Amino acid sequence: LLVQSDVLDDLGSPLIASPTHKRYPGSATPFHAFLPSDPLTRAESYDTVHVSGNKRGNLRESRITIADVAREAGVSRQTVSRVLNDKMEISASTRESVTQVIERLGYSPSGVARSLATNRTLTVGLVVPDITNPFFPEIARGVEDVAREHGYEMFLCNSVEDPGREDHVLRALEDKRVDGTIICSSRLPQERLFERLRRQRAAVLVNRPAPTELAGTVRV
């Protein structure tokens, strides 16, 4: 196959064409493709495969980095980091200058990079057994309001009264490295629940007892 390099619009002609296809003249470069072992139907001709991308230029826009901000502001990356983390040792004039560059470039710190540096994700997970039960949305609203007041975002998870799904949700929150997990009226057997609690960074159980070394408990 050859891939066309002069196509300007994804929504128009296919970006991939066979070398002998008369509809796609112009510059092309070799392209390796893995095709299905079973022959395609006439309607699924290889000549109509599309590749997604921007109209012009690279397929993905480059992301503004902290190094770009530092270079534009004429300071070190450490100084930009201190401004982002609101450290007090930065002068007011430097802070204002760096902040203006951040706003002008539209720089947004990477959540992944920040969590690796601080060992915090600024997220909490809330697990409820049935979101359609009027009792739990009120709890969810309270948790989210307090979390946001302290700079945290909340992941709301609905286990639909299914212990297997609750177990899956808790493993997912563990993988997301949430800073804390709140579990309402857990449906898990005690042994499995305690096993999951040991793997959480911090946990609170609502209406379910647990050893204090595993989780805090609240009765509502």
N, C-alpha and C. Protein backbone atom coordinates (compact mmCIF):
# COMPACT_ATOMS: atom_id res chain seq x y z
N LEU A 1 0.83 -1.19 0.00
CA LEU A 1 0.00 0.00 0.00
C LEU A 1 0.87 1.25 0.00
N LEU A 2 0.30 2.35 -0.53
CA LEU A 2 0.94 3.65 -0.41
C LEU A 2 0.00 4.57 0.33
N VAL A 3 0.57 5.47 1.10
CA VAL A 3 -0.27 6.40 1.85
C VAL A 3 -0.12 7.79 1.26
N GLN A 4 -1.25 8.43 0.95
CA GLN A 4 -1.23 9.76 0.38
C GLN A 4 -0.75 10.78 1.41
N SER A 5 0.10 11.69 1.02
CA SER A 5 0.61 12.70 1.95
C SER A 5 0.09 14.09 1.61
N ASP A 6 -0.75 14.23 0.58
CA ASP A 6 -1.23 15.55 0.18
C ASP A 6 -2.73 15.71 0.34
N VAL A 7 -3.37 14.82 1.11
CA VAL A 7 -4.80 14.93 1.34
C VAL A 7 -5.06 15.91 2.48
N LEU A 8 -5.96 16.87 2.30
CA LEU A 8 -6.15 17.93 3.28
C LEU A 8 -7.33 17.69 4.19
N ASP A 9 -8.18 16.78 3.86
CA ASP A 9 -9.41 16.65 4.63
C ASP A 9 -9.71 15.18 4.89
N ASP A 10 -9.82 14.81 6.20
CA ASP A 10 -10.17 13.42 6.55
C ASP A 10 -11.48 12.99 5.93
N LEU A 11 -12.41 13.93 5.83
CA LEU A 11 -13.77 13.59 5.45
C LEU A 11 -13.92 13.44 3.95
N GLY A 12 -12.88 13.71 3.20
CA GLY A 12 -12.94 13.58 1.75
C GLY A 12 -12.38 12.26 1.31
N SER A 13 -11.39 12.32 0.42
CA SER A 13 -10.83 11.11 -0.15
C SER A 13 -10.09 10.29 0.89
N PRO A 14 -10.05 8.98 0.72
CA PRO A 14 -9.30 8.14 1.65
C PRO A 14 -7.83 8.52 1.66
N LEU A 15 -7.20 8.35 2.81
CA LEU A 15 -5.78 8.65 2.94
C LEU A 15 -4.93 7.48 2.50
N ILE A 16 -5.53 6.29 2.42
CA ILE A 16 -4.76 5.11 2.01
C ILE A 16 -5.31 4.61 0.69
N ALA A 17 -4.43 4.33 -0.28
CA ALA A 17 -4.87 3.82 -1.58
C ALA A 17 -3.87 2.80 -2.07
N SER A 18 -4.33 1.88 -2.90
CA SER A 18 -3.41 0.92 -3.49
C SER A 18 -2.57 1.63 -4.55
N PRO A 19 -1.39 1.14 -4.85
CA PRO A 19 -0.49 1.83 -5.79
C PRO A 19 -1.09 2.05 -7.16
N THR A 20 -2.03 1.16 -7.56
CA THR A 20 -2.58 1.24 -8.92
C THR A 20 -3.90 2.01 -8.99
N HIS A 21 -4.35 2.54 -7.87
CA HIS A 21 -5.64 3.21 -7.85
C HIS A 21 -5.54 4.54 -8.60
N LYS A 22 -6.32 4.70 -9.68
CA LYS A 22 -6.20 5.86 -10.55
C LYS A 22 -6.75 7.14 -9.93
N ARG A 23 -7.59 7.03 -8.90
CA ARG A 23 -8.21 8.22 -8.31
C ARG A 23 -7.27 8.97 -7.40
N TYR A 24 -6.12 8.38 -7.02
CA TYR A 24 -5.26 9.01 -6.03
C TYR A 24 -3.85 9.24 -6.56
N PRO A 25 -3.70 10.11 -7.55
CA PRO A 25 -2.36 10.46 -8.01
C PRO A 25 -1.69 11.39 -7.01
N GLY A 26 -0.42 11.59 -7.13
CA GLY A 26 0.26 12.52 -6.24
C GLY A 26 1.30 11.83 -5.39
N SER A 27 1.96 12.62 -4.55
CA SER A 27 3.05 12.08 -3.73
C SER A 27 2.53 11.06 -2.73
N ALA A 28 3.28 10.01 -2.51
CA ALA A 28 2.89 8.97 -1.58
C ALA A 28 4.14 8.33 -1.01
N THR A 29 4.02 7.73 0.16
CA THR A 29 5.15 7.08 0.81
C THR A 29 4.76 5.66 1.18
N PRO A 30 5.72 4.74 1.24
CA PRO A 30 5.40 3.35 1.60
C PRO A 30 4.73 3.29 2.97
N PHE A 31 3.81 2.37 3.11
CA PHE A 31 3.05 2.25 4.36
C PHE A 31 2.77 0.79 4.61
N HIS A 32 3.10 0.32 5.80
CA HIS A 32 2.85 -1.07 6.17
C HIS A 32 1.53 -1.16 6.91
N ALA A 33 0.68 -2.09 6.49
CA ALA A 33 -0.62 -2.25 7.14
C ALA A 33 -0.85 -3.72 7.43
N PHE A 34 -1.49 -4.01 8.57
CA PHE A 34 -1.89 -5.37 8.90
C PHE A 34 -3.33 -5.54 8.44
N LEU A 35 -3.54 -6.40 7.47
CA LEU A 35 -4.86 -6.61 6.90
C LEU A 35 -5.44 -7.91 7.45
N PRO A 36 -6.78 -8.02 7.55
CA PRO A 36 -7.42 -9.22 8.08
C PRO A 36 -7.11 -10.44 7.24
N SER A 37 -7.05 -11.60 7.89
CA SER A 37 -6.74 -12.83 7.18
C SER A 37 -7.88 -13.25 6.27
N ASP A 38 -9.13 -12.92 6.65
CA ASP A 38 -10.27 -13.25 5.82
C ASP A 38 -10.48 -12.18 4.77
N PRO A 39 -10.74 -12.55 3.51
CA PRO A 39 -10.94 -11.54 2.47
C PRO A 39 -12.10 -10.62 2.82
N LEU A 40 -11.95 -9.34 2.46
CA LEU A 40 -13.04 -8.39 2.68
C LEU A 40 -14.07 -8.52 1.58
N THR A 41 -15.29 -8.10 1.88
CA THR A 41 -16.33 -8.08 0.87
C THR A 41 -16.10 -6.92 -0.07
N ARG A 42 -16.86 -6.87 -1.16
CA ARG A 42 -16.72 -5.79 -2.13
C ARG A 42 -17.00 -4.44 -1.48
N ALA A 43 -17.98 -4.43 -0.55
CA ALA A 43 -18.34 -3.17 0.11
C ALA A 43 -17.27 -2.73 1.09
N GLU A 44 -16.39 -3.68 1.49
CA GLU A 44 -15.35 -3.36 2.45
C GLU A 44 -13.97 -3.31 1.78
N SER A 45 -13.96 -2.84 0.55
CA SER A 45 -12.74 -2.80 -0.24
C SER A 45 -11.58 -2.17 0.52
N TYR A 46 -10.39 -2.72 0.31
CA TYR A 46 -9.21 -2.16 0.95
C TYR A 46 -8.97 -0.71 0.53
N ASP A 47 -9.48 -0.33 -0.65
CA ASP A 47 -9.24 1.01 -1.16
C ASP A 47 -10.00 2.09 -0.42
N THR A 48 -10.90 1.71 0.49
CA THR A 48 -11.71 2.71 1.18
C THR A 48 -11.39 2.80 2.66
N VAL A 49 -10.25 2.29 3.06
CA VAL A 49 -9.81 2.41 4.44
C VAL A 49 -9.39 3.85 4.72
N HIS A 50 -9.84 4.42 5.84
CA HIS A 50 -9.49 5.79 6.20
C HIS A 50 -8.55 5.81 7.40
N VAL A 51 -7.75 6.82 7.45
CA VAL A 51 -6.90 7.08 8.61
C VAL A 51 -7.30 8.41 9.20
N SER A 52 -7.53 8.44 10.52
CA SER A 52 -7.97 9.67 11.16
C SER A 52 -6.79 10.60 11.39
N GLY A 53 -7.03 11.90 11.28
CA GLY A 53 -5.98 12.87 11.53
C GLY A 53 -6.47 14.28 11.33
N ASN A 54 -5.62 15.27 11.59
CA ASN A 54 -5.98 16.65 11.37
C ASN A 54 -5.96 16.96 9.89
N LYS A 55 -6.60 18.09 9.50
CA LYS A 55 -6.62 18.47 8.09
C LYS A 55 -5.23 18.78 7.56
N ARG A 56 -4.41 19.45 8.37
CA ARG A 56 -3.08 19.83 7.94
C ARG A 56 -2.09 19.55 9.09
N GLY A 57 -0.86 19.36 8.71
CA GLY A 57 0.18 19.25 9.72
C GLY A 57 0.18 17.90 10.42
N ASN A 58 0.66 17.89 11.64
CA ASN A 58 0.80 16.66 12.39
C ASN A 58 -0.54 16.13 12.82
N LEU A 59 -0.58 14.82 13.13
CA LEU A 59 -1.82 14.20 13.57
C LEU A 59 -2.21 14.67 14.96
N ARG A 60 -1.24 15.11 15.75
CA ARG A 60 -1.53 15.50 17.13
C ARG A 60 -0.80 16.81 17.44
N GLU A 61 -1.53 17.76 18.00
CA GLU A 61 -0.91 19.03 18.36
C GLU A 61 0.06 18.82 19.52
N SER A 62 1.19 19.52 19.47
CA SER A 62 2.16 19.41 20.55
C SER A 62 1.61 20.08 21.80
N ARG A 63 1.91 19.49 22.94
CA ARG A 63 1.42 20.00 24.21
C ARG A 63 2.42 20.98 24.79
N ILE A 64 1.92 22.11 25.31
CA ILE A 64 2.77 23.08 25.98
C ILE A 64 3.30 22.46 27.26
N THR A 65 4.61 22.55 27.47
CA THR A 65 5.22 21.93 28.64
C THR A 65 5.73 23.00 29.61
N ILE A 66 6.10 22.55 30.78
CA ILE A 66 6.64 23.46 31.79
C ILE A 66 7.95 24.07 31.30
N ALA A 67 8.69 23.35 30.45
CA ALA A 67 9.93 23.88 29.89
C ALA A 67 9.63 25.04 28.95
N ASP A 68 8.54 24.94 28.19
CA ASP A 68 8.14 26.04 27.29
C ASP A 68 7.82 27.29 28.10
N VAL A 69 7.10 27.11 29.21
CA VAL A 69 6.75 28.25 30.06
C VAL A 69 8.01 28.88 30.64
N ALA A 70 8.94 28.04 31.12
CA ALA A 70 10.17 28.55 31.72
C ALA A 70 11.00 29.33 30.70
N ARG A 71 11.09 28.78 29.49
CA ARG A 71 11.87 29.45 28.45
C ARG A 71 11.25 30.79 28.08
N GLU A 72 9.95 30.84 27.94
CA GLU A 72 9.26 32.07 27.57
C GLU A 72 9.34 33.12 28.68
N ALA A 73 9.29 32.66 29.93
CA ALA A 73 9.32 33.59 31.06
C ALA A 73 10.75 33.95 31.47
N GLY A 74 11.74 33.24 30.94
CA GLY A 74 13.13 33.52 31.29
C GLY A 74 13.50 33.09 32.69
N VAL A 75 12.89 32.00 33.15
CA VAL A 75 13.18 31.48 34.48
C VAL A 75 13.44 29.98 34.38
N SER A 76 13.78 29.36 35.49
CA SER A 76 14.00 27.92 35.50
C SER A 76 12.69 27.17 35.62
N ARG A 77 12.74 25.89 35.29
CA ARG A 77 11.55 25.05 35.45
C ARG A 77 11.16 24.93 36.92
N GLN A 78 12.16 24.94 37.80
CA GLN A 78 11.88 24.88 39.23
C GLN A 78 11.07 26.10 39.68
N THR A 79 11.38 27.26 39.11
CA THR A 79 10.64 28.47 39.46
C THR A 79 9.19 28.37 39.00
N VAL A 80 8.98 27.87 37.79
CA VAL A 80 7.61 27.69 37.29
C VAL A 80 6.86 26.72 38.20
N SER A 81 7.54 25.64 38.59
CA SER A 81 6.91 24.65 39.47
C SER A 81 6.52 25.27 40.80
N ARG A 82 7.39 26.13 41.33
CA ARG A 82 7.08 26.78 42.61
C ARG A 82 5.87 27.70 42.47
N VAL A 83 5.77 28.39 41.34
CA VAL A 83 4.60 29.25 41.11
C VAL A 83 3.33 28.40 41.03
N LEU A 84 3.40 27.30 40.31
CA LEU A 84 2.23 26.43 40.15
C LEU A 84 1.78 25.84 41.48
N ASN A 85 2.77 25.56 42.35
CA ASN A 85 2.45 24.97 43.65
C ASN A 85 2.30 26.00 44.75
N ASP A 86 2.26 27.29 44.34
CA ASP A 86 2.00 28.39 45.26
C ASP A 86 3.00 28.43 46.42
N LYS A 87 4.28 28.23 46.10
CA LYS A 87 5.32 28.31 47.13
C LYS A 87 5.61 29.77 47.47
N MET A 88 5.90 30.04 48.73
CA MET A 88 6.03 31.41 49.20
C MET A 88 7.37 32.05 48.85
N GLU A 89 8.39 31.25 48.48
CA GLU A 89 9.71 31.82 48.27
C GLU A 89 9.88 32.54 46.93
N ILE A 90 8.81 32.66 46.14
CA ILE A 90 8.86 33.35 44.86
C ILE A 90 8.42 34.80 45.05
N SER A 91 9.16 35.74 44.44
CA SER A 91 8.81 37.16 44.55
C SER A 91 7.50 37.44 43.81
N ALA A 92 6.83 38.50 44.21
CA ALA A 92 5.55 38.85 43.61
C ALA A 92 5.69 39.16 42.13
N SER A 93 6.77 39.85 41.75
CA SER A 93 6.96 40.21 40.34
C SER A 93 7.21 38.98 39.48
N THR A 94 8.03 38.04 39.99
CA THR A 94 8.30 36.80 39.25
C THR A 94 7.03 35.96 39.13
N ARG A 95 6.28 35.88 40.21
CA ARG A 95 5.03 35.12 40.20
C ARG A 95 4.07 35.68 39.16
N GLU A 96 3.95 37.00 39.12
CA GLU A 96 3.04 37.63 38.17
C GLU A 96 3.50 37.40 36.73
N SER A 97 4.81 37.52 36.49
CA SER A 97 5.36 37.32 35.15
C SER A 97 5.12 35.90 34.66
N VAL A 98 5.40 34.92 35.52
CA VAL A 98 5.22 33.52 35.14
C VAL A 98 3.74 33.22 34.93
N THR A 99 2.89 33.75 35.79
CA THR A 99 1.45 33.53 35.66
C THR A 99 0.93 34.06 34.34
N GLN A 100 1.42 35.22 33.92
CA GLN A 100 0.99 35.80 32.65
C GLN A 100 1.40 34.91 31.47
N VAL A 101 2.61 34.35 31.54
CA VAL A 101 3.07 33.45 30.47
C VAL A 101 2.22 32.19 30.44
N ILE A 102 1.92 31.65 31.62
CA ILE A 102 1.08 30.45 31.71
C ILE A 102 -0.27 30.69 31.04
N GLU A 103 -0.87 31.84 31.34
CA GLU A 103 -2.18 32.16 30.77
C GLU A 103 -2.08 32.39 29.26
N ARG A 104 -1.02 33.07 28.84
CA ARG A 104 -0.87 33.38 27.41
C ARG A 104 -0.64 32.12 26.58
N LEU A 105 0.16 31.19 27.10
CA LEU A 105 0.44 29.96 26.37
C LEU A 105 -0.66 28.91 26.54
N GLY A 106 -1.53 29.13 27.54
CA GLY A 106 -2.57 28.14 27.80
C GLY A 106 -2.03 26.87 28.40
N TYR A 107 -1.00 27.00 29.22
CA TYR A 107 -0.38 25.82 29.82
C TYR A 107 -1.27 25.23 30.89
N SER A 108 -1.40 23.90 30.84
CA SER A 108 -2.16 23.17 31.86
C SER A 108 -1.29 22.04 32.39
N PRO A 109 -0.96 22.04 33.68
CA PRO A 109 -0.08 21.00 34.22
C PRO A 109 -0.66 19.60 34.01
N SER A 110 0.20 18.65 33.71
CA SER A 110 -0.21 17.27 33.54
C SER A 110 -0.59 16.67 34.89
N GLY A 111 -1.82 16.16 34.99
CA GLY A 111 -2.25 15.52 36.23
C GLY A 111 -1.43 14.30 36.56
N VAL A 112 -1.02 13.57 35.53
CA VAL A 112 -0.21 12.37 35.75
C VAL A 112 1.15 12.76 36.32
N ALA A 113 1.78 13.77 35.70
CA ALA A 113 3.10 14.19 36.18
C ALA A 113 3.01 14.73 37.60
N ARG A 114 1.97 15.49 37.87
CA ARG A 114 1.81 16.06 39.22
C ARG A 114 1.62 14.96 40.25
N SER A 115 0.82 13.95 39.92
CA SER A 115 0.58 12.87 40.88
C SER A 115 1.85 12.07 41.16
N LEU A 116 2.70 11.91 40.12
CA LEU A 116 3.96 11.21 40.33
C LEU A 116 4.90 12.00 41.23
N ALA A 117 4.86 13.33 41.07
CA ALA A 117 5.76 14.17 41.85
C ALA A 117 5.30 14.31 43.30
N THR A 118 3.99 14.38 43.51
CA THR A 118 3.47 14.65 44.85
C THR A 118 2.92 13.41 45.54
N ASN A 119 2.79 12.30 44.79
CA ASN A 119 2.19 11.07 45.31
C ASN A 119 0.74 11.31 45.74
N ARG A 120 0.09 12.28 45.09
CA ARG A 120 -1.33 12.56 45.33
C ARG A 120 -2.01 12.78 44.00
N THR A 121 -3.26 12.32 43.90
CA THR A 121 -4.02 12.52 42.66
C THR A 121 -5.13 13.54 42.83
N LEU A 122 -5.35 14.01 44.06
CA LEU A 122 -6.43 14.96 44.36
C LEU A 122 -7.78 14.43 43.89
N THR A 123 -7.99 13.13 44.09
CA THR A 123 -9.26 12.49 43.75
C THR A 123 -9.70 11.59 44.89
N VAL A 124 -11.01 11.43 45.02
CA VAL A 124 -11.58 10.47 45.97
C VAL A 124 -12.65 9.66 45.24
N GLY A 125 -12.82 8.45 45.67
CA GLY A 125 -13.84 7.59 45.08
C GLY A 125 -14.99 7.39 46.06
N LEU A 126 -16.22 7.44 45.54
CA LEU A 126 -17.41 7.16 46.34
C LEU A 126 -18.15 5.99 45.70
N VAL A 127 -18.33 4.94 46.46
CA VAL A 127 -19.00 3.74 45.97
C VAL A 127 -20.35 3.61 46.66
N VAL A 128 -21.42 3.56 45.86
CA VAL A 128 -22.77 3.38 46.42
C VAL A 128 -23.40 2.14 45.80
N PRO A 129 -24.30 1.46 46.54
CA PRO A 129 -24.88 0.22 46.01
C PRO A 129 -26.01 0.45 45.01
N ASP A 130 -26.65 1.62 45.05
CA ASP A 130 -27.77 1.87 44.14
C ASP A 130 -28.01 3.37 44.03
N ILE A 131 -27.57 3.96 42.93
CA ILE A 131 -27.66 5.41 42.78
C ILE A 131 -29.11 5.86 42.62
N THR A 132 -30.02 4.94 42.31
CA THR A 132 -31.42 5.33 42.17
C THR A 132 -32.14 5.40 43.51
N ASN A 133 -31.50 4.89 44.56
CA ASN A 133 -32.06 4.99 45.90
C ASN A 133 -31.90 6.44 46.38
N PRO A 134 -32.98 7.14 46.74
CA PRO A 134 -32.90 8.56 47.11
C PRO A 134 -31.95 8.84 48.27
N PHE A 135 -31.60 7.83 49.03
CA PHE A 135 -30.71 8.02 50.18
C PHE A 135 -29.29 8.38 49.75
N PHE A 136 -28.82 7.80 48.63
CA PHE A 136 -27.41 7.93 48.26
C PHE A 136 -27.06 9.20 47.48
N PRO A 137 -27.93 9.73 46.62
CA PRO A 137 -27.57 11.01 45.96
C PRO A 137 -27.29 12.14 46.94
N GLU A 138 -27.99 12.16 48.08
CA GLU A 138 -27.74 13.20 49.07
C GLU A 138 -26.34 13.05 49.66
N ILE A 139 -25.93 11.80 49.91
CA ILE A 139 -24.58 11.56 50.40
C ILE A 139 -23.56 11.98 49.34
N ALA A 140 -23.84 11.61 48.09
CA ALA A 140 -22.92 11.95 47.00
C ALA A 140 -22.74 13.45 46.88
N ARG A 141 -23.84 14.19 47.00
CA ARG A 141 -23.76 15.65 46.89
C ARG A 141 -22.90 16.22 48.03
N GLY A 142 -23.09 15.70 49.23
CA GLY A 142 -22.30 16.18 50.36
C GLY A 142 -20.83 15.88 50.21
N VAL A 143 -20.50 14.66 49.76
CA VAL A 143 -19.10 14.28 49.57
C VAL A 143 -18.46 15.16 48.50
N GLU A 144 -19.16 15.36 47.39
CA GLU A 144 -18.60 16.16 46.29
C GLU A 144 -18.38 17.61 46.71
N ASP A 145 -19.35 18.18 47.45
CA ASP A 145 -19.21 19.57 47.88
C ASP A 145 -17.99 19.76 48.77
N VAL A 146 -17.82 18.87 49.74
CA VAL A 146 -16.69 18.98 50.66
C VAL A 146 -15.37 18.69 49.92
N ALA A 147 -15.38 17.71 49.02
CA ALA A 147 -14.16 17.38 48.27
C ALA A 147 -13.71 18.59 47.45
N ARG A 148 -14.63 19.25 46.78
CA ARG A 148 -14.27 20.40 45.95
C ARG A 148 -13.79 21.58 46.79
N GLU A 149 -14.33 21.73 47.95
CA GLU A 149 -13.86 22.79 48.84
C GLU A 149 -12.38 22.62 49.17
N HIS A 150 -11.92 21.38 49.15
CA HIS A 150 -10.53 21.09 49.50
C HIS A 150 -9.68 20.77 48.27
N GLY A 151 -10.20 21.07 47.08
CA GLY A 151 -9.42 20.89 45.86
C GLY A 151 -9.39 19.49 45.31
N TYR A 152 -10.37 18.66 45.69
CA TYR A 152 -10.43 17.29 45.21
C TYR A 152 -11.59 17.09 44.23
N GLU A 153 -11.44 16.13 43.33
CA GLU A 153 -12.53 15.70 42.46
C GLU A 153 -13.01 14.34 42.93
N MET A 154 -14.29 14.06 42.68
CA MET A 154 -14.88 12.81 43.14
C MET A 154 -15.26 11.91 41.97
N PHE A 155 -14.92 10.62 42.09
CA PHE A 155 -15.40 9.60 41.17
C PHE A 155 -16.57 8.89 41.83
N LEU A 156 -17.73 8.95 41.19
CA LEU A 156 -18.92 8.27 41.73
C LEU A 156 -19.08 6.93 41.04
N CYS A 157 -19.14 5.86 41.83
CA CYS A 157 -19.24 4.50 41.30
C CYS A 157 -20.49 3.82 41.84
N ASN A 158 -21.26 3.20 40.96
CA ASN A 158 -22.51 2.53 41.33
C ASN A 158 -22.33 1.03 41.18
N SER A 159 -22.44 0.29 42.29
CA SER A 159 -22.20 -1.16 42.23
C SER A 159 -23.46 -1.96 41.94
N VAL A 160 -24.61 -1.29 41.83
CA VAL A 160 -25.91 -1.90 41.52
C VAL A 160 -26.20 -3.14 42.37
N GLU A 161 -25.86 -3.07 43.65
CA GLU A 161 -26.12 -4.15 44.61
C GLU A 161 -25.41 -5.46 44.25
N ASP A 162 -24.37 -5.37 43.44
CA ASP A 162 -23.67 -6.56 42.96
C ASP A 162 -22.27 -6.63 43.60
N PRO A 163 -22.02 -7.62 44.47
CA PRO A 163 -20.70 -7.72 45.12
C PRO A 163 -19.56 -7.84 44.12
N GLY A 164 -19.78 -8.57 43.04
CA GLY A 164 -18.74 -8.72 42.03
C GLY A 164 -18.39 -7.40 41.39
N ARG A 165 -19.41 -6.62 41.10
CA ARG A 165 -19.16 -5.31 40.50
C ARG A 165 -18.51 -4.35 41.51
N GLU A 166 -18.90 -4.45 42.76
CA GLU A 166 -18.28 -3.61 43.79
C GLU A 166 -16.80 -3.95 43.91
N ASP A 167 -16.47 -5.23 43.87
CA ASP A 167 -15.08 -5.65 43.94
C ASP A 167 -14.30 -5.08 42.75
N HIS A 168 -14.90 -5.11 41.57
CA HIS A 168 -14.27 -4.57 40.37
C HIS A 168 -14.04 -3.07 40.50
N VAL A 169 -15.05 -2.38 41.02
CA VAL A 169 -14.96 -0.93 41.19
C VAL A 169 -13.82 -0.57 42.15
N LEU A 170 -13.71 -1.29 43.26
CA LEU A 170 -12.66 -1.00 44.24
C LEU A 170 -11.27 -1.25 43.65
N ARG A 171 -11.16 -2.28 42.81
CA ARG A 171 -9.87 -2.53 42.16
C ARG A 171 -9.56 -1.41 41.18
N ALA A 172 -10.59 -0.91 40.49
CA ALA A 172 -10.38 0.19 39.54
C ALA A 172 -9.94 1.46 40.26
N LEU A 173 -10.55 1.76 41.40
CA LEU A 173 -10.16 2.94 42.18
C LEU A 173 -8.74 2.79 42.71
N GLU A 174 -8.39 1.58 43.07
CA GLU A 174 -7.01 1.32 43.51
C GLU A 174 -6.04 1.59 42.37
N ASP A 175 -6.37 1.14 41.16
CA ASP A 175 -5.52 1.38 40.00
C ASP A 175 -5.42 2.87 39.67
N LYS A 176 -6.51 3.60 39.92
CA LYS A 176 -6.52 5.05 39.66
C LYS A 176 -5.74 5.82 40.73
N ARG A 177 -5.34 5.13 41.77
CA ARG A 177 -4.57 5.74 42.87
C ARG A 177 -5.30 6.91 43.51
N VAL A 178 -6.61 6.73 43.71
CA VAL A 178 -7.36 7.79 44.39
C VAL A 178 -6.79 7.95 45.80
N ASP A 179 -6.87 9.17 46.32
CA ASP A 179 -6.31 9.45 47.64
C ASP A 179 -7.17 8.89 48.77
N GLY A 180 -8.43 8.62 48.50
CA GLY A 180 -9.30 8.05 49.52
C GLY A 180 -10.55 7.45 48.89
N THR A 181 -11.12 6.47 49.56
CA THR A 181 -12.31 5.79 49.06
C THR A 181 -13.38 5.76 50.14
N ILE A 182 -14.59 6.13 49.78
CA ILE A 182 -15.73 6.09 50.69
C ILE A 182 -16.70 5.04 50.16
N ILE A 183 -17.01 4.05 50.98
CA ILE A 183 -17.85 2.94 50.54
C ILE A 183 -19.13 2.93 51.37
N CYS A 184 -20.24 3.11 50.69
CA CYS A 184 -21.54 3.14 51.37
C CYS A 184 -22.20 1.77 51.35
N SER A 185 -22.58 1.29 52.53
CA SER A 185 -23.36 0.06 52.66
C SER A 185 -22.81 -1.05 51.76
N SER A 186 -21.56 -1.40 51.98
CA SER A 186 -20.89 -2.41 51.15
C SER A 186 -21.65 -3.73 51.15
N ARG A 187 -21.71 -4.34 49.97
CA ARG A 187 -22.34 -5.66 49.82
C ARG A 187 -21.32 -6.79 49.77
N LEU A 188 -20.05 -6.47 49.94
CA LEU A 188 -19.03 -7.50 49.91
C LEU A 188 -19.00 -8.31 51.20
N PRO A 189 -18.68 -9.60 51.10
CA PRO A 189 -18.44 -10.38 52.33
C PRO A 189 -17.29 -9.76 53.11
N GLN A 190 -17.31 -9.91 54.41
CA GLN A 190 -16.35 -9.22 55.27
C GLN A 190 -14.91 -9.50 54.88
N GLU A 191 -14.58 -10.75 54.62
CA GLU A 191 -13.19 -11.10 54.32
C GLU A 191 -12.70 -10.39 53.05
N ARG A 192 -13.54 -10.40 52.01
CA ARG A 192 -13.14 -9.76 50.76
C ARG A 192 -13.10 -8.23 50.91
N LEU A 193 -14.06 -7.69 51.67
CA LEU A 193 -14.08 -6.25 51.89
C LEU A 193 -12.81 -5.79 52.60
N PHE A 194 -12.43 -6.52 53.65
CA PHE A 194 -11.23 -6.13 54.40
C PHE A 194 -9.98 -6.25 53.52
N GLU A 195 -9.96 -7.25 52.65
CA GLU A 195 -8.83 -7.40 51.73
C GLU A 195 -8.71 -6.18 50.82
N ARG A 196 -9.86 -5.71 50.32
CA ARG A 196 -9.85 -4.53 49.44
C ARG A 196 -9.46 -3.27 50.21
N LEU A 197 -9.92 -3.17 51.45
CA LEU A 197 -9.59 -1.99 52.26
C LEU A 197 -8.09 -1.88 52.50
N ARG A 198 -7.44 -3.02 52.69
CA ARG A 198 -5.99 -3.00 52.93
C ARG A 198 -5.23 -2.41 51.75
N ARG A 199 -5.82 -2.47 50.56
CA ARG A 199 -5.14 -2.00 49.35
C ARG A 199 -5.48 -0.57 49.00
N GLN A 200 -6.43 0.03 49.72
CA GLN A 200 -6.76 1.44 49.49
C GLN A 200 -5.79 2.34 50.25
N ARG A 201 -5.56 3.51 49.71
CA ARG A 201 -4.64 4.45 50.38
C ARG A 201 -5.26 5.00 51.66
N ALA A 202 -6.57 5.20 51.65
CA ALA A 202 -7.34 5.60 52.84
C ALA A 202 -8.78 5.25 52.55
N ALA A 203 -9.53 4.90 53.57
CA ALA A 203 -10.90 4.46 53.32
C ALA A 203 -11.82 4.82 54.49
N VAL A 204 -13.09 5.03 54.13
CA VAL A 204 -14.16 5.24 55.12
C VAL A 204 -15.33 4.37 54.72
N LEU A 205 -15.88 3.65 55.69
CA LEU A 205 -17.08 2.84 55.45
C LEU A 205 -18.29 3.56 56.04
N VAL A 206 -19.37 3.59 55.28
CA VAL A 206 -20.63 4.16 55.75
C VAL A 206 -21.58 3.01 56.06
N ASN A 207 -22.05 2.96 57.32
CA ASN A 207 -23.01 1.95 57.76
C ASN A 207 -22.46 0.53 57.66
N ARG A 208 -21.16 0.38 57.92
CA ARG A 208 -20.54 -0.95 57.93
C ARG A 208 -19.31 -0.88 58.82
N PRO A 209 -19.20 -1.73 59.84
CA PRO A 209 -18.05 -1.66 60.74
C PRO A 209 -16.81 -2.27 60.11
N ALA A 210 -15.65 -1.80 60.60
CA ALA A 210 -14.36 -2.34 60.15
C ALA A 210 -13.32 -2.00 61.19
N PRO A 211 -12.24 -2.76 61.28
CA PRO A 211 -11.14 -2.41 62.20
C PRO A 211 -10.60 -1.02 61.90
N THR A 212 -10.26 -0.28 62.92
CA THR A 212 -9.80 1.11 62.73
C THR A 212 -8.53 1.21 61.90
N GLU A 213 -7.72 0.15 61.91
CA GLU A 213 -6.50 0.22 61.12
C GLU A 213 -6.78 0.06 59.61
N LEU A 214 -7.99 -0.36 59.25
CA LEU A 214 -8.35 -0.52 57.83
C LEU A 214 -9.16 0.65 57.30
N ALA A 215 -10.06 1.20 58.13
CA ALA A 215 -10.94 2.25 57.63
C ALA A 215 -11.61 2.97 58.78
N GLY A 216 -11.96 4.22 58.52
CA GLY A 216 -12.83 4.92 59.42
C GLY A 216 -14.27 4.48 59.17
N THR A 217 -15.15 4.67 60.11
CA THR A 217 -16.54 4.26 59.94
C THR A 217 -17.49 5.40 60.33
N VAL A 218 -18.59 5.47 59.57
CA VAL A 218 -19.61 6.48 59.82
C VAL A 218 -20.97 5.80 59.72
N ARG A 219 -21.85 6.13 60.65
CA ARG A 219 -23.23 5.63 60.57
C ARG A 219 -24.15 6.80 60.24
N VAL A 220 -24.99 6.57 59.22
CA VAL A 220 -25.92 7.61 58.77
C VAL A 220 -27.33 7.10 58.89
